[in-house]
Protein backbone atom coordinates (compact mmCIF):
# COMPACT_ATOMS: atom_id res chain seq x y z
CA MET A 1 -106.90 44.92 108.97
CA PRO A 2 -104.03 42.87 107.39
CA VAL A 3 -104.61 41.46 103.76
CA HIS A 4 -105.53 37.85 103.99
CA TYR A 5 -104.18 35.21 101.58
CA ASP A 6 -105.29 31.65 101.16
CA LEU A 7 -101.59 30.47 100.92
CA CYS A 8 -98.21 31.96 101.92
CA ILE A 9 -95.10 30.48 100.38
CA ILE A 10 -91.88 31.29 102.30
CA ILE A 11 -88.65 31.21 100.51
CA PRO A 12 -85.36 32.25 102.19
CA CYS A 13 -82.56 33.38 99.92
CA TYR A 14 -78.83 34.06 100.37
CA ASN A 15 -76.80 35.13 97.18
CA ASN A 16 -78.83 33.01 94.77
CA LYS A 17 -81.01 35.28 92.61
CA ARG A 18 -80.86 33.02 89.54
CA GLY A 19 -82.20 30.09 91.59
CA LEU A 20 -84.75 32.34 93.26
CA ILE A 21 -86.14 33.60 90.01
CA GLU A 22 -86.38 29.83 88.63
CA THR A 23 -88.27 28.90 91.70
CA ILE A 24 -90.79 31.61 91.74
CA LYS A 25 -91.49 31.16 87.96
CA SER A 26 -92.54 27.50 88.71
CA ILE A 27 -95.19 28.67 91.35
CA VAL A 28 -98.81 28.25 90.14
CA CYS A 29 -101.72 28.65 92.56
CA TRP A 30 -105.22 29.58 91.46
CA ARG A 31 -106.10 30.98 95.04
CA PRO A 32 -104.90 34.47 96.61
CA THR A 33 -101.21 33.64 97.22
CA LEU A 34 -98.36 35.59 98.68
CA ILE A 35 -94.64 34.69 97.97
CA LEU A 36 -92.81 35.83 100.92
CA VAL A 37 -89.01 36.17 100.27
CA ILE A 38 -86.64 36.82 103.15
CA ASP A 39 -83.20 38.12 101.67
CA ASP A 40 -80.91 36.91 104.30
CA GLY A 41 -78.12 39.53 104.03
CA SER A 42 -77.23 38.88 100.44
CA PRO A 43 -74.07 40.73 99.14
CA ASP A 44 -76.18 41.63 96.16
CA PRO A 45 -79.53 42.52 97.74
CA LEU A 46 -82.65 41.42 95.67
CA ASN A 47 -84.84 43.84 93.85
CA ALA A 48 -88.67 43.66 94.81
CA HIS A 49 -89.69 45.12 91.43
CA GLU A 50 -87.72 42.44 89.56
CA LEU A 51 -89.24 39.58 91.59
CA LYS A 52 -92.72 41.00 91.03
CA SER A 53 -92.44 41.34 87.25
CA ILE A 54 -91.84 37.40 86.78
CA THR A 55 -94.99 36.29 88.56
CA LEU A 56 -98.75 37.14 88.76
CA HIS A 57 -98.81 36.48 92.58
CA SER A 58 -98.33 39.02 95.24
CA VAL A 59 -94.66 39.22 96.45
CA LEU A 60 -93.15 40.59 99.77
CA LEU A 61 -89.61 40.89 100.00
CA ILE A 62 -87.92 41.39 103.52
CA HIS A 63 -84.36 42.54 103.63
CA GLU A 64 -82.11 41.30 106.48
CA PRO A 65 -79.00 43.53 106.88
CA VAL A 66 -76.78 40.62 107.75
CA ASN A 67 -76.75 36.93 107.08
CA ARG A 68 -78.10 35.11 110.07
CA GLY A 69 -78.98 31.67 108.57
CA ILE A 70 -81.98 29.84 107.57
CA VAL A 71 -83.48 29.36 110.86
CA SER A 72 -83.56 33.27 111.62
CA ALA A 73 -84.93 33.83 108.06
CA LEU A 74 -87.54 31.28 108.30
CA ASN A 75 -88.75 32.58 111.74
CA ILE A 76 -88.68 36.09 110.54
CA GLY A 77 -91.07 35.10 107.82
CA LEU A 78 -93.43 33.29 110.26
CA GLU A 79 -93.34 36.23 112.56
CA LYS A 80 -94.75 38.39 109.93
CA ILE A 81 -98.04 36.31 109.78
CA GLY A 82 -100.63 38.32 111.65
CA LYS A 83 -98.86 41.47 111.60
CA LEU A 84 -98.31 42.25 107.93
CA PHE A 85 -100.76 39.83 106.49
CA THR A 86 -102.92 36.69 107.45
CA THR A 87 -102.88 33.35 105.73
CA SER A 88 -104.71 30.00 106.06
CA PHE A 89 -101.70 27.90 104.89
CA VAL A 90 -98.00 28.09 104.71
CA ALA A 91 -95.80 26.31 102.21
CA ARG A 92 -91.98 26.18 101.83
CA LEU A 93 -89.53 26.28 98.99
CA ASP A 94 -85.84 27.00 98.81
CA CYS A 95 -84.03 28.70 95.84
CA SER A 96 -83.51 26.41 92.79
CA ASP A 97 -86.49 24.08 93.79
CA ILE A 98 -88.89 23.44 90.99
CA CYS A 99 -92.65 22.95 91.73
CA ARG A 100 -94.87 20.78 89.53
CA LYS A 101 -97.66 22.87 88.35
CA ASP A 102 -100.50 21.19 90.35
CA ARG A 103 -98.37 21.05 93.48
CA PHE A 104 -100.16 23.71 95.49
CA GLU A 105 -103.61 22.88 94.25
CA LYS A 106 -103.15 19.19 95.05
CA GLN A 107 -102.03 20.03 98.68
CA LEU A 108 -104.84 22.51 99.36
CA ALA A 109 -107.43 19.91 97.89
CA CYS A 110 -106.05 17.49 100.32
CA PHE A 111 -106.60 19.85 103.36
CA SER A 112 -110.00 20.53 102.15
CA SER A 113 -110.86 16.87 102.06
CA ASP A 114 -109.75 16.36 105.75
CA PRO A 115 -110.20 19.23 108.14
CA ASP A 116 -108.03 17.36 110.79
CA LEU A 117 -104.86 17.57 108.68
CA THR A 118 -102.15 19.97 109.94
CA LEU A 119 -99.27 19.09 107.64
CA VAL A 120 -99.21 17.71 104.23
CA GLY A 121 -95.82 16.76 102.21
CA SER A 122 -95.19 15.00 99.17
CA TRP A 123 -92.61 12.81 97.50
CA CYS A 124 -89.73 14.73 95.80
CA THR A 125 -87.60 14.12 92.79
CA PHE A 126 -84.01 14.53 93.69
CA PHE A 127 -81.55 15.46 90.77
CA ASP A 128 -77.82 14.85 90.90
CA PRO A 129 -76.00 17.09 88.34
CA VAL A 130 -72.73 15.38 88.79
CA THR A 131 -74.07 11.98 87.32
CA SER A 132 -77.21 13.55 85.56
CA ARG A 133 -79.27 11.01 87.32
CA SER A 134 -82.44 11.36 89.43
CA PHE A 135 -84.54 9.41 91.83
CA ILE A 136 -87.85 9.92 93.61
CA PHE A 137 -87.59 9.95 97.24
CA LYS A 138 -90.56 7.84 98.59
CA THR A 139 -91.89 7.83 102.06
CA PRO A 140 -94.77 6.53 104.26
CA LEU A 141 -98.12 8.13 103.37
CA GLN A 142 -100.38 7.80 106.48
CA HIS A 143 -99.91 9.63 109.94
CA GLU A 144 -99.17 6.55 112.00
CA LYS A 145 -96.63 5.08 109.50
CA ILE A 146 -95.16 8.51 109.25
CA LEU A 147 -94.71 8.77 113.14
CA THR A 148 -93.09 5.34 113.11
CA ALA A 149 -90.57 6.44 110.24
CA LEU A 150 -89.68 9.82 112.20
CA ASN A 151 -87.95 7.56 114.76
CA PHE A 152 -85.21 6.85 112.16
CA ARG A 153 -85.25 9.75 109.57
CA ASN A 154 -86.88 12.80 108.60
CA VAL A 155 -89.63 11.76 105.93
CA PHE A 156 -90.62 15.27 105.05
CA VAL A 157 -88.59 16.93 102.36
CA HIS A 158 -88.47 20.69 103.58
CA PRO A 159 -89.37 22.29 100.23
CA SER A 160 -92.29 19.95 99.59
CA VAL A 161 -94.42 20.64 102.69
CA MET A 162 -97.43 22.88 103.46
CA TRP A 163 -99.14 23.28 106.85
CA ARG A 164 -102.31 24.77 108.20
CA VAL A 165 -102.01 27.99 110.39
CA THR A 166 -103.50 27.36 113.75
CA ASN A 167 -103.77 29.23 116.99
CA HIS A 168 -100.63 27.44 118.04
CA ASP A 169 -97.46 29.33 116.90
CA HIS A 170 -94.74 27.18 115.31
CA TYR A 171 -91.27 28.40 115.10
CA TYR A 172 -87.90 26.84 114.10
CA SER A 173 -85.52 26.01 116.86
CA SER A 174 -81.81 26.97 116.71
CA GLN A 175 -81.15 23.94 119.02
CA TYR A 176 -81.14 21.52 116.32
CA LEU A 177 -78.51 22.96 113.90
CA HIS A 178 -79.00 21.91 110.19
CA ALA A 179 -81.87 19.69 111.29
CA GLU A 180 -84.27 22.38 112.35
CA ASP A 181 -86.83 21.26 109.88
CA TYR A 182 -86.73 17.63 111.36
CA ALA A 183 -87.60 18.90 114.82
CA PHE A 184 -90.18 21.27 113.37
CA PHE A 185 -92.31 18.67 111.61
CA TYR A 186 -91.70 16.03 114.22
CA GLU A 187 -93.35 18.20 116.83
CA MET A 188 -96.15 19.13 114.45
CA CYS A 189 -96.81 15.31 113.84
CA LEU A 190 -97.16 14.81 117.63
CA GLN A 191 -99.55 17.65 117.86
CA GLY A 192 -101.85 17.12 114.80
CA LYS A 193 -102.59 14.91 111.89
CA ALA A 194 -100.12 14.57 108.87
CA CYS A 195 -99.97 12.89 105.50
CA ILE A 196 -97.82 12.71 102.45
CA LEU A 197 -98.89 12.67 98.96
CA PRO A 198 -97.61 9.58 96.76
CA TYR A 199 -96.23 11.70 93.90
CA PRO A 200 -93.28 13.99 93.45
CA LEU A 201 -94.52 17.61 93.46
CA VAL A 202 -91.02 19.28 93.81
CA ARG A 203 -87.59 18.65 92.26
CA CYS A 204 -84.65 19.47 94.38
CA GLU A 205 -80.99 19.46 93.09
CA LEU A 206 -78.46 17.54 95.17
CA SER A 207 -75.29 19.68 95.56
CA ASN A 208 -71.86 19.17 97.33
CA LYS A 209 -72.22 22.62 98.60
CA GLY A 210 -75.61 21.71 100.39
CA ILE A 211 -76.19 21.52 103.99
CA SER A 212 -76.49 17.67 104.00
CA SER A 213 -73.05 17.51 102.39
CA VAL A 214 -71.04 20.43 103.82
CA PHE A 215 -72.40 20.06 107.38
CA ARG A 216 -73.14 16.34 107.51
CA ASN A 217 -71.75 15.50 110.81
CA GLU A 218 -73.31 18.34 112.52
CA GLN A 219 -76.57 17.57 110.98
CA LEU A 220 -76.50 14.02 112.00
CA ARG A 221 -75.68 15.00 115.57
CA SER A 222 -78.80 17.42 115.65
CA ARG A 223 -80.98 14.60 114.23
CA GLU A 224 -79.81 12.50 117.08
CA LYS A 225 -80.96 15.28 119.43
CA VAL A 226 -84.31 15.44 117.69
CA VAL A 227 -84.88 11.60 118.07
CA LEU A 228 -83.97 11.81 121.71
CA LYS A 229 -86.41 14.48 122.48
CA TYR A 230 -89.44 13.53 120.32
CA SER A 231 -89.41 9.72 119.98
CA LYS A 232 -91.91 8.16 122.24
CA SER A 233 -90.75 4.52 121.72
CA GLY A 234 -87.67 3.35 123.71
CA PHE A 235 -86.67 0.56 121.33
CA ARG A 236 -87.23 2.53 118.30
CA LYS A 237 -85.46 5.54 119.77
CA PHE A 238 -82.45 3.24 120.36
CA LEU A 239 -82.61 1.87 116.76
CA GLY A 240 -82.94 5.47 115.32
CA ILE A 241 -79.86 6.77 117.34
CA LEU A 242 -77.76 3.57 116.32
CA ARG A 243 -78.62 4.30 112.62
CA LEU A 244 -77.69 7.89 112.77
CA ARG A 245 -74.13 7.07 114.44
CA ILE A 246 -73.49 4.42 111.68
CA LEU A 247 -74.38 6.96 108.98
CA ARG A 248 -71.56 9.26 110.33
CA PHE A 249 -69.03 6.76 108.77
CA ILE A 250 -70.83 6.82 105.31
CA PRO A 251 -69.71 9.77 103.11
CA PHE A 252 -72.39 12.01 101.48
CA ARG A 253 -71.75 10.95 97.72
CA GLU A 254 -71.92 7.15 98.81
CA MET A 255 -75.25 7.88 100.47
CA VAL A 256 -76.52 9.53 97.39
CA LYS A 257 -75.35 6.47 95.37
CA MET A 258 -77.19 4.12 97.81
CA LYS A 259 -80.34 6.24 97.37
CA MET A 260 -80.18 6.08 93.59
CA ILE A 261 -80.19 2.29 93.81
CA ILE A 262 -82.88 1.95 96.51
CA PHE A 263 -85.17 4.35 94.77
CA LYS A 264 -84.39 2.93 91.26
CA TYR A 265 -82.57 5.97 89.58
CA ASN A 266 -83.71 7.00 86.12
CA HIS A 267 -81.22 8.83 83.74
CA SER A 268 -83.98 10.58 81.80
CA GLU A 269 -86.38 11.35 84.41
CA THR A 270 -87.92 14.92 84.16
CA LEU A 271 -90.42 16.63 86.42
CA PRO A 272 -93.99 15.86 85.48
CA VAL A 273 -96.20 18.88 84.52
């Protein structure tokens, strides 16, 4: 029988060992936890012994011979559930993301309090290393308001989520390039109940080399495809697509500045512990 873990944390990694180590060091959970790292064809392959030496949690490292991208890496991780191990919940992190120390306990407690919950996210602190400013990305909290907001934007910060493992297999689709998480969570919200916790449980770094910057136009087109497929409201669907097309004309750095203003940036904000 495969070993069972209460929680599995999936972390894809490509050529970012330093960021991965920082992320793993921030993981704290008092229940049986597996850290599943997918090395997506890094030129300098990761060392399992080194990763295991920096955490008390179990670590499973899977090496992929070539770089196939985040969708492939995430799905490889999901495919291992039930084959190499079993788990009750799956959480996501990316390299360089830093978790608040009570992040996983808060999300697991949320699931325990409501057996109908399928997906739990949280607010997130975004840090801009260019300006040394940060802001807390705030979103709707309750299921119905989340569904309404999904017509216009992805309210789930990918590295902040945790979901319950059910009999229905969920995988990321390659049809929505650079917006696979938007489609993944939108579909999950249509099939089950979701909520978002009203405090930042993760800190993520904004980068000019990130997907939202480098592949901005491709991502916006993929988001439009997500809205077209999953939105159930004709009028909101129209407004959501209109918004996405307008965003194509706004540069990434300008969007960051706008978010700093909207979410009241704070020069000295640090991640709570």
